Amino acid sequence: MPEDRAPLVLQELVRRTNEDGRRLRAIEERLLSIENRINNLEENSLERTKKVNDRFSEITDEIKNLTDEIIKLKNNVEKINKQMMTFARRRDLKEIEHMLELIGPIEPKIDIKTEEK
């Protein structure tokens, strides 16, 4: 009787081996698919990181340029303020006008408002 079962056992072993081989191939295919996806994700991640770093560098340069422009504007405003300190004020002009009227009443009156325009 054990000899009758030998071909059946052998067939079962072959069937199981074939089934295991099929399962291994399926697992290998899934593993390859997962590796491809991971590689794609890594490539995309590296690409995005490069783009972000490039944009960050651009923004840093823009900020530096804006800072330089702000410094220039501040310097110009300071120069203008210093120049404005040397300008005669309306009150000063009124005093000069009053003094001129006292010294030479015959001279025509100077209209400061028309002179400013």
C-alpha atoms as a PDB file:
ATOM      1  CA  MET A   1       0.000   0.000   0.000  1.00  0.00           C
ATOM      2  CA  PRO A   2       2.750   2.529   0.643  1.00  0.00           C
ATOM      3  CA  GLU A   3       3.908   2.006  -2.902  1.00  0.00           C
ATOM      4  CA  ASP A   4       0.467   2.983  -4.286  1.00  0.00           C
ATOM      5  CA  ARG A   5       0.598   6.217  -2.364  1.00  0.00           C
ATOM      6  CA  ALA A   6       4.076   7.180  -3.566  1.00  0.00           C
ATOM      7  CA  PRO A   7       2.858   8.661  -6.872  1.00  0.00           C
ATOM      8  CA  LEU A   8       0.090  10.562  -5.057  1.00  0.00           C
ATOM      9  CA  VAL A   9       2.524  11.940  -2.505  1.00  0.00           C
ATOM     10  CA  LEU A  10       4.917  12.850  -5.291  1.00  0.00           C
ATOM     11  CA  GLN A  11       2.119  14.598  -7.211  1.00  0.00           C
ATOM     12  CA  GLU A  12       1.099  16.489  -4.067  1.00  0.00           C
ATOM     13  CA  LEU A  13       4.713  17.579  -3.486  1.00  0.00           C
ATOM     14  CA  VAL A  14       4.999  18.762  -7.105  1.00  0.00           C
ATOM     15  CA  ARG A  15       1.686  20.606  -6.808  1.00  0.00           C
ATOM     16  CA  ARG A  16       2.760  22.292  -3.579  1.00  0.00           C
ATOM     17  CA  THR A  17       6.133  23.201  -5.085  1.00  0.00           C
ATOM     18  CA  ASN A  18       4.414  24.705  -8.126  1.00  0.00           C
ATOM     19  CA  GLU A  19       2.013  26.616  -5.877  1.00  0.00           C
ATOM     20  CA  ASP A  20       4.906  27.902  -3.770  1.00  0.00           C
ATOM     21  CA  GLY A  21       6.780  28.940  -6.941  1.00  0.00           C
ATOM     22  CA  ARG A  22       3.701  30.807  -8.174  1.00  0.00           C
ATOM     23  CA  ARG A  23       3.363  32.579  -4.828  1.00  0.00           C
ATOM     24  CA  LEU A  24       7.053  33.522  -4.873  1.00  0.00           C
ATOM     25  CA  ARG A  25       6.718  35.005  -8.377  1.00  0.00           C
ATOM     26  CA  ALA A  26       3.655  37.018  -7.263  1.00  0.00           C
ATOM     27  CA  ILE A  27       5.545  38.290  -4.223  1.00  0.00           C
ATOM     28  CA  GLU A  28       8.549  39.190  -6.401  1.00  0.00           C
ATOM     29  CA  GLU A  29       6.279  41.126  -8.787  1.00  0.00           C
ATOM     30  CA  ARG A  30       4.706  43.015  -5.893  1.00  0.00           C
ATOM     31  CA  LEU A  31       8.145  43.731  -4.464  1.00  0.00           C
ATOM     32  CA  LEU A  32       9.341  45.095  -7.835  1.00  0.00           C
ATOM     33  CA  SER A  33       6.212  47.231  -8.073  1.00  0.00           C
ATOM     34  CA  ILE A  34       6.789  48.623  -4.570  1.00  0.00           C
ATOM     35  CA  GLU A  35      10.465  49.316  -5.373  1.00  0.00           C
ATOM     36  CA  ASN A  36       9.435  51.207  -8.514  1.00  0.00           C
ATOM     37  CA  ARG A  37       6.959  53.294  -6.552  1.00  0.00           C
ATOM     38  CA  ILE A  38       9.554  54.051  -3.889  1.00  0.00           C
ATOM     39  CA  ASN A  39      12.067  55.083  -6.564  1.00  0.00           C
ATOM     40  CA  ASN A  40       9.479  57.372  -8.154  1.00  0.00           C
ATOM     41  CA  LEU A  41       8.638  58.894  -4.785  1.00  0.00           C
ATOM     42  CA  GLU A  42      12.336  59.477  -4.058  1.00  0.00           C
ATOM     43  CA  GLU A  43      12.850  61.127  -7.448  1.00  0.00           C
ATOM     44  CA  ASN A  44       9.805  63.353  -6.953  1.00  0.00           C
ATOM     45  CA  SER A  45      10.920  64.225  -3.452  1.00  0.00           C
ATOM     46  CA  LEU A  46      14.415  65.150  -4.621  1.00  0.00           C
ATOM     47  CA  GLU A  47      12.990  67.196  -7.479  1.00  0.00           C
ATOM     48  CA  ARG A  48      10.626  69.077  -5.173  1.00  0.00           C
ATOM     49  CA  THR A  49      13.382  69.647  -2.631  1.00  0.00           C
ATOM     50  CA  LYS A  50      15.590  71.106  -5.364  1.00  0.00           C
ATOM     51  CA  LYS A  51      12.766  73.386  -6.542  1.00  0.00           C
ATOM     52  CA  VAL A  52      12.064  74.531  -2.977  1.00  0.00           C
ATOM     53  CA  ASN A  53      15.753  75.209  -2.361  1.00  0.00           C
ATOM     54  CA  ASP A  54      16.012  77.169  -5.615  1.00  0.00           C
ATOM     55  CA  ARG A  55      12.950  79.239  -4.731  1.00  0.00           C
ATOM     56  CA  PHE A  56      14.270  79.784  -1.218  1.00  0.00           C
ATOM     57  CA  SER A  57      17.527  81.042  -2.703  1.00  0.00           C
ATOM     58  CA  GLU A  58      15.611  83.397  -5.011  1.00  0.00           C
ATOM     59  CA  ILE A  59      13.561  84.741  -2.121  1.00  0.00           C
ATOM     60  CA  THR A  60      16.708  85.244  -0.047  1.00  0.00           C
ATOM     61  CA  ASP A  61      18.246  87.233  -2.896  1.00  0.00           C
ATOM     62  CA  GLU A  62      15.081  89.293  -3.280  1.00  0.00           C
ATOM     63  CA  ILE A  63      15.036  90.055   0.446  1.00  0.00           C
ATOM     64  CA  LYS A  64      18.685  91.118   0.291  1.00  0.00           C
ATOM     65  CA  ASN A  65      17.929  93.416  -2.650  1.00  0.00           C
ATOM     66  CA  LEU A  66      14.906  94.875  -0.854  1.00  0.00           C
ATOM     67  CA  THR A  67      17.006  95.446   2.252  1.00  0.00           C
ATOM     68  CA  ASP A  68      19.602  97.271   0.167  1.00  0.00           C
ATOM     69  CA  GLU A  69      16.871  99.399  -1.421  1.00  0.00           C
ATOM     70  CA  ILE A  70      15.402 100.244   1.981  1.00  0.00           C
ATOM     71  CA  ILE A  71      18.827 101.312   3.229  1.00  0.00           C
ATOM     72  CA  LYS A  72      19.260 103.530   0.152  1.00  0.00           C
ATOM     73  CA  LEU A  73      15.809 105.048   0.701  1.00  0.00           C
ATOM     74  CA  LYS A  74      16.579 105.743   4.358  1.00  0.00           C
ATOM     75  CA  ASN A  75      19.824 107.456   3.375  1.00  0.00           C
ATOM     76  CA  ASN A  76      18.002 109.568   0.791  1.00  0.00           C
ATOM     77  CA  VAL A  77      15.339 110.554   3.314  1.00  0.00           C
ATOM     78  CA  GLU A  78      18.056 111.564   5.775  1.00  0.00           C
ATOM     79  CA  LYS A  79      19.752 113.695   3.082  1.00  0.00           C
ATOM     80  CA  ILE A  80      16.440 115.338   2.234  1.00  0.00           C
ATOM     81  CA  ASN A  81      15.773 116.027   5.905  1.00  0.00           C
ATOM     82  CA  LYS A  82      19.227 117.613   6.288  1.00  0.00           C
ATOM     83  CA  GLN A  83      18.602 119.766   3.212  1.00  0.00           C
ATOM     84  CA  MET A  84      15.190 120.780   4.542  1.00  0.00           C
ATOM     85  CA  MET A  85      16.859 122.052   7.702  1.00  0.00           C
ATOM     86  CA  THR A  86      18.710 124.602   5.568  1.00  0.00           C
ATOM     87  CA  PHE A  87      15.526 125.876   3.871  1.00  0.00           C
ATOM     88  CA  ALA A  88      13.988 129.085   5.112  1.00  0.00           C
ATOM     89  CA  ARG A  89      10.761 128.626   6.975  1.00  0.00           C
ATOM     90  CA  ARG A  90       7.641 130.648   6.305  1.00  0.00           C
ATOM     91  CA  ARG A  91       8.063 132.362   9.664  1.00  0.00           C
ATOM     92  CA  ASP A  92      11.622 133.333   8.730  1.00  0.00           C
ATOM     93  CA  LEU A  93      10.429 134.761   5.433  1.00  0.00           C
ATOM     94  CA  LYS A  94       7.708 136.724   7.198  1.00  0.00           C
ATOM     95  CA  GLU A  95      10.321 138.218   9.542  1.00  0.00           C
ATOM     96  CA  ILE A  96      12.523 139.188   6.602  1.00  0.00           C
ATOM     97  CA  GLU A  97       9.505 140.691   4.842  1.00  0.00           C
ATOM     98  CA  HIS A  98       8.647 142.678   7.940  1.00  0.00           C
ATOM     99  CA  MET A  99      12.244 143.933   8.244  1.00  0.00           C
ATOM    100  CA  LEU A 100      12.279 144.949   4.588  1.00  0.00           C
ATOM    101  CA  GLU A 101       9.032 146.851   5.097  1.00  0.00           C
ATOM    102  CA  LEU A 102      10.603 148.703   7.999  1.00  0.00           C
ATOM    103  CA  ILE A 103      13.758 149.546   6.065  1.00  0.00           C
ATOM    104  CA  GLY A 104      12.211 150.467   2.764  1.00  0.00           C
ATOM    105  CA  PRO A 105       8.513 151.168   2.943  1.00  0.00           C
ATOM    106  CA  ILE A 106       8.518 152.405  -0.644  1.00  0.00           C
ATOM    107  CA  GLU A 107       9.419 149.024  -2.122  1.00  0.00           C
ATOM    108  CA  PRO A 108       6.518 146.912  -3.383  1.00  0.00           C
ATOM    109  CA  LYS A 109       5.294 144.290  -1.004  1.00  0.00           C
ATOM    110  CA  ILE A 110       6.636 140.748  -1.717  1.00  0.00           C
ATOM    111  CA  ASP A 111       3.951 138.102  -1.744  1.00  0.00           C
ATOM    112  CA  ILE A 112       5.512 134.993  -0.259  1.00  0.00           C
ATOM    113  CA  LYS A 113       2.654 132.755  -1.323  1.00  0.00           C
ATOM    114  CA  THR A 114       3.260 133.443  -5.018  1.00  0.00           C
ATOM    115  CA  GLU A 115       7.017 133.042  -4.561  1.00  0.00           C
ATOM    116  CA  GLU A 116       6.605 129.528  -3.109  1.00  0.00           C
ATOM    117  CA  LYS A 117       4.735 128.259  -6.157  1.00  0.00           C
END
